[in-house]
């Protein structure tokens, strides 16, 4: 179960990273214009991180609600496991949020390396 859980976490991180890298790539021209007009790097980084984390946090909330609802049904299938273990309902969302933050942070850092002149000539 641990191997499958870690595999799922890795796949989620790769998916979030891929989505955010694609989004940053699509917005290269916009980011270059913002940099050329004087936007600070911290503002751009926060914009990308905020966008990615809002999606990730929405997924965590939907997952928590769904798992809370399904946990009673799973009680009959699991032996010796409490259906609504508080440690699990706290630790898993925190771990997912940290992994999502790392997966969003990397494309956000790359967005700051955009040269405005190159970005304006992009496409």
C-alpha atoms as a PDB file:
ATOM      1  CA  UNK A   1       0.000   0.000   0.000  1.00  0.00           C
ATOM      2  CA  UNK A   2       2.869   2.347   0.774  1.00  0.00           C
ATOM      3  CA  UNK A   3       4.445   1.761  -2.630  1.00  0.00           C
ATOM      4  CA  UNK A   4       1.145   2.484  -4.373  1.00  0.00           C
ATOM      5  CA  UNK A   5       0.612   5.594  -2.236  1.00  0.00           C
ATOM      6  CA  UNK A   6       4.094   6.917  -2.999  1.00  0.00           C
ATOM      7  CA  UNK A   7       3.605   6.141  -6.681  1.00  0.00           C
ATOM      8  CA  UNK A   8       0.347   8.088  -6.681  1.00  0.00           C
ATOM      9  CA  UNK A   9       2.049  11.012  -4.939  1.00  0.00           C
ATOM     10  CA  UNK A  10       4.852  10.983  -7.509  1.00  0.00           C
ATOM     11  CA  UNK A  11       2.369  10.897 -10.387  1.00  0.00           C
ATOM     12  CA  UNK A  12       0.429  13.785  -8.850  1.00  0.00           C
ATOM     13  CA  UNK A  13       3.616  15.831  -8.502  1.00  0.00           C
ATOM     14  CA  UNK A  14       4.612  15.111 -12.101  1.00  0.00           C
ATOM     15  CA  UNK A  15       1.127  16.051 -13.317  1.00  0.00           C
ATOM     16  CA  UNK A  16       1.069  19.331 -11.407  1.00  0.00           C
ATOM     17  CA  UNK A  17       4.589  20.176 -12.562  1.00  0.00           C
ATOM     18  CA  UNK A  18       3.701  19.383 -16.179  1.00  0.00           C
ATOM     19  CA  UNK A  19       0.562  21.495 -16.072  1.00  0.00           C
ATOM     20  CA  UNK A  20       2.339  24.467 -14.527  1.00  0.00           C
ATOM     21  CA  UNK A  21       5.333  24.174 -16.882  1.00  0.00           C
ATOM     22  CA  UNK A  22       2.932  24.176 -19.841  1.00  0.00           C
ATOM     23  CA  UNK A  23       1.049  27.166 -18.421  1.00  0.00           C
ATOM     24  CA  UNK A  24       4.283  29.103 -17.915  1.00  0.00           C
ATOM     25  CA  UNK A  25       5.369  28.228 -21.458  1.00  0.00           C
ATOM     26  CA  UNK A  26       2.069  29.469 -22.852  1.00  0.00           C
ATOM     27  CA  UNK A  27       2.361  32.711 -20.884  1.00  0.00           C
ATOM     28  CA  UNK A  28       5.985  33.439 -21.819  1.00  0.00           C
ATOM     29  CA  UNK A  29       5.060  36.477 -23.873  1.00  0.00           C
ATOM     30  CA  UNK A  30       2.836  37.877 -21.135  1.00  0.00           C
ATOM     31  CA  UNK A  31       5.530  37.348 -18.515  1.00  0.00           C
ATOM     32  CA  UNK A  32       8.092  39.033 -20.755  1.00  0.00           C
ATOM     33  CA  UNK A  33       5.816  42.045 -21.238  1.00  0.00           C
ATOM     34  CA  UNK A  34       5.231  42.294 -17.502  1.00  0.00           C
ATOM     35  CA  UNK A  35       8.987  42.163 -16.875  1.00  0.00           C
ATOM     36  CA  UNK A  36       9.618  44.785 -19.581  1.00  0.00           C
ATOM     37  CA  UNK A  37       7.047  47.081 -18.000  1.00  0.00           C
ATOM     38  CA  UNK A  38       8.754  46.826 -14.620  1.00  0.00           C
ATOM     39  CA  UNK A  39       7.001  44.058 -12.734  1.00  0.00           C
ATOM     40  CA  UNK A  40       9.051  42.696  -9.886  1.00  0.00           C
ATOM     41  CA  UNK A  41      10.217  39.112  -9.976  1.00  0.00           C
ATOM     42  CA  UNK A  42       8.528  38.360  -6.663  1.00  0.00           C
ATOM     43  CA  UNK A  43       5.186  39.525  -8.049  1.00  0.00           C
ATOM     44  CA  UNK A  44       5.461  37.233 -11.066  1.00  0.00           C
ATOM     45  CA  UNK A  45       6.592  34.288  -8.966  1.00  0.00           C
ATOM     46  CA  UNK A  46       3.699  34.817  -6.567  1.00  0.00           C
ATOM     47  CA  UNK A  47       1.264  35.056  -9.480  1.00  0.00           C
ATOM     48  CA  UNK A  48       2.350  31.688 -10.879  1.00  0.00           C
ATOM     49  CA  UNK A  49       2.473  30.028  -7.448  1.00  0.00           C
ATOM     50  CA  UNK A  50      -0.944  31.412  -6.507  1.00  0.00           C
ATOM     51  CA  UNK A  51      -2.489  30.116  -9.708  1.00  0.00           C
ATOM     52  CA  UNK A  52      -1.049  26.634  -9.274  1.00  0.00           C
ATOM     53  CA  UNK A  53      -1.766  26.375  -5.567  1.00  0.00           C
ATOM     54  CA  UNK A  54      -5.372  27.482  -5.997  1.00  0.00           C
ATOM     55  CA  UNK A  55      -5.913  24.491  -8.295  1.00  0.00           C
ATOM     56  CA  UNK A  56      -4.050  22.157  -5.957  1.00  0.00           C
ATOM     57  CA  UNK A  57      -5.929  23.337  -2.877  1.00  0.00           C
ATOM     58  CA  UNK A  58      -9.252  22.966  -4.674  1.00  0.00           C
ATOM     59  CA  UNK A  59      -8.275  19.363  -5.442  1.00  0.00           C
ATOM     60  CA  UNK A  60      -7.299  18.744  -1.814  1.00  0.00           C
ATOM     61  CA  UNK A  61     -10.641  20.111  -0.567  1.00  0.00           C
ATOM     62  CA  UNK A  62     -12.638  18.022  -3.057  1.00  0.00           C
ATOM     63  CA  UNK A  63     -10.575  14.961  -2.099  1.00  0.00           C
ATOM     64  CA  UNK A  64     -11.136  15.538   1.614  1.00  0.00           C
ATOM     65  CA  UNK A  65     -14.882  15.878   1.170  1.00  0.00           C
ATOM     66  CA  UNK A  66     -15.051  12.772  -1.020  1.00  0.00           C
ATOM     67  CA  UNK A  67     -12.888  10.690   1.306  1.00  0.00           C
ATOM     68  CA  UNK A  68     -14.909  11.780   4.330  1.00  0.00           C
ATOM     69  CA  UNK A  69     -18.076  10.622   2.589  1.00  0.00           C
ATOM     70  CA  UNK A  70     -16.644   7.311   1.378  1.00  0.00           C
ATOM     71  CA  UNK A  71     -14.871   6.442   4.640  1.00  0.00           C
ATOM     72  CA  UNK A  72     -17.980   4.835   6.203  1.00  0.00           C
ATOM     73  CA  UNK A  73     -18.379   2.538   3.226  1.00  0.00           C
ATOM     74  CA  UNK A  74     -14.714   1.505   3.487  1.00  0.00           C
ATOM     75  CA  UNK A  75     -15.079   0.649   7.184  1.00  0.00           C
ATOM     76  CA  UNK A  76     -16.549  -2.747   6.383  1.00  0.00           C
ATOM     77  CA  UNK A  77     -13.670  -3.532   3.996  1.00  0.00           C
ATOM     78  CA  UNK A  78     -10.801  -2.665   6.336  1.00  0.00           C
ATOM     79  CA  UNK A  79      -9.867  -4.588   9.471  1.00  0.00           C
ATOM     80  CA  UNK A  80      -8.581  -2.707  12.485  1.00  0.00           C
ATOM     81  CA  UNK A  81      -8.591   0.704  10.811  1.00  0.00           C
ATOM     82  CA  UNK A  82     -10.683   3.614  11.998  1.00  0.00           C
ATOM     83  CA  UNK A  83     -12.657   5.048   9.065  1.00  0.00           C
ATOM     84  CA  UNK A  84     -12.048   8.678   9.974  1.00  0.00           C
ATOM     85  CA  UNK A  85      -8.588   8.739  11.483  1.00  0.00           C
ATOM     86  CA  UNK A  86      -7.723  12.377  12.308  1.00  0.00           C
ATOM     87  CA  UNK A  87      -4.017  11.812  11.701  1.00  0.00           C
ATOM     88  CA  UNK A  88      -4.682  10.652   8.145  1.00  0.00           C
ATOM     89  CA  UNK A  89      -7.137  13.477   7.451  1.00  0.00           C
ATOM     90  CA  UNK A  90      -4.482  15.998   8.527  1.00  0.00           C
ATOM     91  CA  UNK A  91      -1.201  14.436   7.382  1.00  0.00           C
ATOM     92  CA  UNK A  92      -2.223  13.476   3.847  1.00  0.00           C
ATOM     93  CA  UNK A  93      -3.569  16.917   2.809  1.00  0.00           C
ATOM     94  CA  UNK A  94      -0.510  18.596   4.324  1.00  0.00           C
ATOM     95  CA  UNK A  95       1.817  16.234   2.434  1.00  0.00           C
ATOM     96  CA  UNK A  96      -0.090  16.769  -0.813  1.00  0.00           C
ATOM     97  CA  UNK A  97       0.009  20.535  -0.357  1.00  0.00           C
ATOM     98  CA  UNK A  98       3.774  20.512   0.258  1.00  0.00           C
ATOM     99  CA  UNK A  99       4.382  18.348  -2.818  1.00  0.00           C
ATOM    100  CA  UNK A 100       2.109  20.606  -4.890  1.00  0.00           C
ATOM    101  CA  UNK A 101       3.960  23.690  -3.655  1.00  0.00           C
ATOM    102  CA  UNK A 102       7.276  22.183  -4.757  1.00  0.00           C
ATOM    103  CA  UNK A 103       5.811  21.175  -8.117  1.00  0.00           C
ATOM    104  CA  UNK A 104       4.478  24.714  -8.651  1.00  0.00           C
ATOM    105  CA  UNK A 105       7.593  26.477  -7.347  1.00  0.00           C
ATOM    106  CA  UNK A 106       9.917  25.021 -10.002  1.00  0.00           C
ATOM    107  CA  UNK A 107       8.024  26.415 -13.046  1.00  0.00           C
ATOM    108  CA  UNK A 108       7.544  29.697 -11.175  1.00  0.00           C
ATOM    109  CA  UNK A 109      11.316  30.010 -10.784  1.00  0.00           C
ATOM    110  CA  UNK A 110      11.765  29.286 -14.473  1.00  0.00           C
ATOM    111  CA  UNK A 111       9.249  32.000 -15.339  1.00  0.00           C
ATOM    112  CA  UNK A 112      11.542  34.554 -13.709  1.00  0.00           C
ATOM    113  CA  UNK A 113      14.414  33.666 -16.029  1.00  0.00           C
ATOM    114  CA  UNK A 114      12.508  34.855 -19.091  1.00  0.00           C
ATOM    115  CA  UNK A 115      14.411  37.513 -21.001  1.00  0.00           C
ATOM    116  CA  UNK A 116      11.879  40.224 -21.972  1.00  0.00           C
ATOM    117  CA  UNK A 117      13.437  40.714 -25.422  1.00  0.00           C
ATOM    118  CA  UNK A 118      13.288  36.999 -26.207  1.00  0.00           C
ATOM    119  CA  UNK A 119       9.755  36.718 -24.818  1.00  0.00           C
ATOM    120  CA  UNK A 120       8.510  39.559 -27.011  1.00  0.00           C
ATOM    121  CA  UNK A 121       9.902  37.824 -30.100  1.00  0.00           C
ATOM    122  CA  UNK A 122       8.395  34.498 -28.980  1.00  0.00           C
ATOM    123  CA  UNK A 123       6.038  32.908 -31.534  1.00  0.00           C
END
